[in-house]
Protein backbone atom coordinates (compact mmCIF):
# COMPACT_ATOMS: atom_id res chain seq x y z
CA MET A 1 -0.11 -17.12 0.12
CA SER A 2 1.77 -19.92 1.81
CA TYR A 3 1.76 -23.41 0.34
CA LEU A 4 5.00 -24.94 1.60
CA THR A 5 7.70 -23.87 4.02
CA ARG A 6 10.29 -25.67 1.90
CA LEU A 7 10.34 -27.81 -1.21
CA PRO A 8 11.33 -31.47 -0.63
CA LYS A 9 14.18 -32.69 -2.83
CA THR A 10 11.97 -35.35 -4.41
CA GLU A 11 9.42 -32.74 -5.46
CA LEU A 12 12.15 -30.45 -6.80
CA ILE A 13 13.44 -33.26 -9.02
CA LEU A 14 9.88 -34.12 -10.09
CA THR A 15 9.18 -30.47 -10.93
CA ILE A 16 12.32 -30.22 -13.08
CA LEU A 17 11.45 -33.50 -14.82
CA CYS A 18 7.91 -32.29 -15.55
CA PHE A 19 9.21 -29.05 -17.06
CA ALA A 20 11.68 -31.03 -19.20
CA LEU A 21 9.00 -33.46 -20.43
CA ILE A 22 6.51 -30.71 -21.31
CA LEU A 23 9.06 -28.57 -23.12
CA GLY A 24 10.76 -31.53 -24.78
CA ILE A 25 7.68 -33.29 -26.16
CA PRO A 26 4.84 -30.81 -25.48
CA GLN A 27 1.59 -32.73 -26.03
CA VAL A 28 2.82 -36.20 -25.07
CA GLY A 29 4.98 -34.73 -22.32
CA VAL A 30 1.96 -33.22 -20.58
CA ILE A 31 0.39 -36.66 -20.24
CA GLY A 32 3.70 -38.14 -19.07
CA ALA A 33 4.21 -35.36 -16.52
CA PHE A 34 0.68 -35.78 -15.21
CA ILE A 35 1.18 -39.53 -14.81
CA LEU A 36 4.34 -38.90 -12.80
CA VAL A 37 2.60 -36.35 -10.57
CA PHE A 38 -0.45 -38.58 -10.14
CA ALA A 39 1.76 -41.54 -9.20
CA TYR A 40 3.65 -39.37 -6.72
CA ILE A 41 0.39 -38.24 -5.09
CA ARG A 42 -0.91 -41.81 -4.92
CA ARG A 43 2.29 -43.09 -3.29
CA SER A 44 2.69 -40.18 -0.89
CA LYS A 45 2.54 -41.15 2.77
CA ALA A 46 1.36 -37.64 3.58
CA ARG A 47 -1.27 -37.39 0.84
CA PRO A 48 -3.71 -35.12 2.74
CA LEU A 49 -0.91 -32.61 3.42
CA LEU A 50 0.29 -32.82 -0.18
CA LEU A 51 -3.20 -32.23 -1.57
CA ASN A 52 -3.68 -29.35 0.85
CA SER A 53 -0.40 -27.81 -0.32
CA MET A 54 -1.80 -28.01 -3.85
CA ARG A 55 -5.05 -26.47 -2.59
CA PHE A 56 -6.81 -29.51 -4.02
CA VAL A 57 -9.51 -29.58 -1.36
CA GLN A 58 -13.29 -29.59 -1.39
CA PRO A 59 -14.83 -26.11 -1.77
CA LEU A 60 -16.92 -24.80 1.11
CA SER A 61 -19.81 -24.59 -1.35
CA TRP A 62 -19.89 -26.55 -4.61
CA LEU A 63 -22.80 -24.42 -5.86
CA LYS A 64 -20.80 -21.22 -5.34
CA ALA A 65 -17.68 -22.74 -6.89
CA ILE A 66 -19.56 -23.84 -10.01
CA ALA A 67 -21.47 -20.57 -10.35
CA VAL A 68 -18.42 -18.34 -9.89
CA SER A 69 -16.32 -20.51 -12.20
CA ALA A 70 -19.02 -20.52 -14.89
CA VAL A 71 -19.21 -16.71 -14.89
CA LEU A 72 -15.41 -16.42 -14.90
CA GLY A 73 -15.00 -18.99 -17.65
CA VAL A 74 -17.52 -17.36 -20.00
CA ALA A 75 -16.20 -13.84 -19.31
CA ILE A 76 -12.55 -14.84 -19.81
CA GLU A 77 -13.22 -16.68 -23.07
CA LEU A 78 -15.33 -13.85 -24.51
CA PHE A 79 -12.63 -11.31 -23.59
CA VAL A 80 -9.94 -13.47 -25.18
CA GLU A 81 -11.93 -14.10 -28.36
CA THR A 82 -13.09 -10.53 -28.93
CA LEU A 83 -10.02 -8.55 -27.81
CA PHE A 84 -6.89 -10.49 -26.86
CA ASN A 85 -6.73 -13.04 -29.69
CA PRO A 86 -7.37 -10.51 -32.50
CA LEU A 87 -4.57 -8.31 -31.12
CA VAL A 88 -2.21 -11.27 -30.89
CA GLU A 89 -3.03 -12.42 -34.42
CA LYS A 90 -2.42 -8.91 -35.77
CA THR A 91 0.88 -8.71 -33.90
CA THR A 92 2.18 -12.12 -35.02
CA ASN A 93 0.42 -11.94 -38.39
CA THR A 94 -0.51 -15.57 -37.79
CA PRO A 95 -4.02 -16.92 -37.12
CA ILE A 96 -4.61 -19.37 -34.30
CA ASP A 97 -4.68 -22.86 -35.79
CA LEU A 98 -7.81 -24.67 -34.61
CA THR A 99 -7.94 -27.22 -37.41
CA GLN A 100 -7.63 -30.07 -34.92
CA VAL A 101 -11.05 -29.17 -33.55
CA ASP A 102 -13.49 -30.51 -36.12
CA PHE A 103 -17.10 -31.21 -35.12
CA LYS A 104 -18.26 -32.26 -38.61
CA ASN A 105 -21.59 -30.59 -37.68
CA ASN A 106 -22.19 -33.49 -35.30
CA ILE A 107 -23.55 -32.62 -31.85
CA PHE A 108 -22.21 -35.88 -30.41
CA ILE A 109 -18.66 -35.04 -31.51
CA TYR A 110 -19.18 -31.58 -29.97
CA ALA A 111 -20.35 -33.21 -26.71
CA GLY A 112 -17.27 -35.44 -26.77
CA TRP A 113 -15.01 -32.39 -27.12
CA VAL A 114 -16.79 -30.74 -24.19
CA ILE A 115 -16.10 -33.78 -22.01
CA VAL A 116 -12.46 -33.76 -23.10
CA GLY A 117 -12.36 -30.01 -22.38
CA PHE A 118 -13.44 -30.53 -18.79
CA ILE A 119 -11.48 -33.70 -18.02
CA LEU A 120 -8.27 -33.33 -20.03
CA GLY A 121 -8.17 -29.54 -20.21
CA GLY A 122 -9.75 -28.68 -16.88
CA LEU A 123 -8.93 -31.45 -14.44
CA LEU A 124 -5.67 -32.90 -15.76
CA GLU A 125 -3.99 -29.67 -16.83
CA GLU A 126 -4.97 -27.75 -13.71
CA ILE A 127 -3.74 -30.46 -11.35
CA LEU A 128 -0.43 -30.49 -13.20
CA PHE A 129 0.21 -26.83 -14.05
CA ARG A 130 -1.50 -24.87 -11.27
CA GLY A 131 -1.98 -27.46 -8.53
CA PHE A 132 1.48 -29.04 -8.57
CA LEU A 133 3.96 -27.03 -10.66
CA LEU A 134 2.86 -23.51 -9.70
CA THR A 135 2.86 -24.32 -5.99
CA ARG A 136 6.23 -26.10 -6.19
CA VAL A 137 7.88 -23.18 -8.02
CA PHE A 138 6.37 -20.80 -5.46
CA ALA A 139 7.94 -22.81 -2.64
CA LEU A 140 11.42 -22.24 -4.07
CA PHE A 141 11.34 -18.57 -3.06
CA SER A 142 11.31 -17.03 0.40
CA ASN A 143 9.68 -13.88 -0.95
CA ALA A 144 6.00 -14.51 -1.66
CA SER A 145 5.67 -11.87 -4.38
CA THR A 146 8.71 -13.20 -6.23
CA GLY A 147 7.42 -16.76 -5.93
CA ASN A 148 4.00 -15.76 -7.23
CA ILE A 149 5.37 -13.90 -10.25
CA ILE A 150 7.95 -16.52 -11.25
CA GLY A 151 5.50 -19.35 -10.59
CA LEU A 152 2.82 -17.70 -12.72
CA LEU A 153 5.16 -16.85 -15.58
CA SER A 154 7.08 -20.14 -15.72
CA THR A 155 4.02 -22.39 -15.59
CA SER A 156 2.08 -20.19 -18.02
CA ILE A 157 4.95 -20.20 -20.51
CA ILE A 158 5.16 -23.99 -20.60
CA PHE A 159 1.36 -24.17 -20.61
CA GLY A 160 1.40 -22.01 -23.72
CA MET A 161 4.23 -23.99 -25.30
CA CYS A 162 2.37 -27.27 -24.98
CA HIS A 163 -0.26 -25.71 -27.29
CA ALA A 164 2.35 -25.03 -29.99
CA TYR A 165 0.22 -26.99 -32.48
CA GLN A 166 -2.01 -23.88 -32.56
CA GLY A 167 0.86 -21.72 -33.83
CA TRP A 168 2.55 -18.80 -32.05
CA SER A 169 -0.72 -16.94 -31.67
CA GLY A 170 -2.17 -19.99 -29.94
CA VAL A 171 0.86 -20.23 -27.65
CA LEU A 172 0.43 -16.60 -26.57
CA SER A 173 -3.33 -16.99 -26.16
CA THR A 174 -3.16 -20.11 -24.00
CA GLY A 175 -0.20 -18.70 -22.08
CA PHE A 176 -2.30 -15.64 -21.22
CA ILE A 177 -5.17 -17.86 -20.11
CA GLY A 178 -2.67 -19.80 -17.98
CA ILE A 179 -1.75 -16.61 -16.16
CA ILE A 180 -5.41 -15.86 -15.47
CA LEU A 181 -6.03 -19.39 -14.17
CA GLY A 182 -2.99 -19.07 -11.92
CA ILE A 183 -4.36 -15.80 -10.55
CA VAL A 184 -7.69 -17.53 -9.89
CA LEU A 185 -5.83 -20.10 -7.78
CA LEU A 186 -3.87 -17.44 -5.89
CA ILE A 187 -7.03 -15.50 -5.10
CA LYS A 188 -9.48 -18.31 -4.34
CA GLN A 189 -6.92 -20.60 -2.66
CA ASN A 190 -8.80 -23.60 -4.00
CA LEU A 191 -7.77 -25.59 -7.08
CA TRP A 192 -11.34 -26.51 -7.92
CA TYR A 193 -12.02 -22.92 -8.97
CA SER A 194 -9.17 -23.13 -11.49
CA ILE A 195 -10.31 -26.56 -12.67
CA LEU A 196 -13.93 -25.50 -13.17
CA THR A 197 -13.02 -22.12 -14.68
CA HIS A 198 -10.74 -23.88 -17.18
CA GLY A 199 -13.55 -26.27 -18.04
CA PHE A 200 -16.02 -23.44 -18.64
CA ILE A 201 -13.46 -21.56 -20.75
CA ASN A 202 -13.16 -24.65 -22.94
CA LEU A 203 -16.94 -25.13 -23.02
CA THR A 204 -17.48 -21.52 -24.12
CA GLY A 205 -14.78 -21.70 -26.79
CA LEU A 206 -16.06 -24.99 -28.15
CA THR A 207 -19.63 -23.69 -28.24
CA ILE A 208 -18.52 -20.58 -30.13
CA LEU A 209 -16.81 -22.79 -32.71
CA TYR A 210 -19.75 -25.20 -32.96
CA LEU A 211 -22.23 -22.35 -33.52
CA ASN A 212 -19.89 -20.75 -36.10
CA TYR A 213 -19.54 -17.49 -34.16
CA TYR A 214 -15.73 -17.61 -34.03
CA ASP A 215 -15.09 -15.25 -36.96
CA THR A 216 -17.92 -12.96 -35.87
CA LEU A 217 -16.43 -12.43 -32.40
CA ARG A 218 -12.91 -12.10 -33.74
CA THR A 219 -13.94 -9.19 -35.99
CA LEU A 220 -16.41 -7.62 -33.55
CA LEU A 221 -13.99 -4.92 -32.33
CA PHE A 222 -11.48 -4.92 -35.19
């Protein structure tokens, strides 16, 4: 994969600042980092080239992108809920804290969370973590394999850390999902697949919680 031949100094500084914001004040820092990246994109005199370097371009087929992402999103979330999360919780001896997600048995609140899951979780986080940060870290290395590995790990670690409100099990779970979403970008070479897959992961997880199947899936194999 080749995104950039070199990383401009301005983007290097912006990348470091984004990492510092996210790690320093995780939840608020993500919003701040996204605002900085969004402002940089808006002010860029070479916006089409910048967006292309982020692989933020229109898919050849929206129908295919949505269908593939939907299948990926559902499959990833079911795998995480039935196998990965239970293993993590047993290892850390700490359950994932999802108390912030409260539907109050109200379908409209559930629908609101779904919208947030696609816009805040899917669009905003993928533009920031995979679209901008992953591709900028990759550009720091002349060896593609090294760039891919360090880019995936570094962005997934801070992606997990910004979910620290879910406890250490939540950090590991979301960090793992971050790696998968990064791999989706590396394979598909189009950020929309990562954005949509992230949205469908959130949709599946929220639906599981709303239908009260969370505990059932978590104990299905253990």
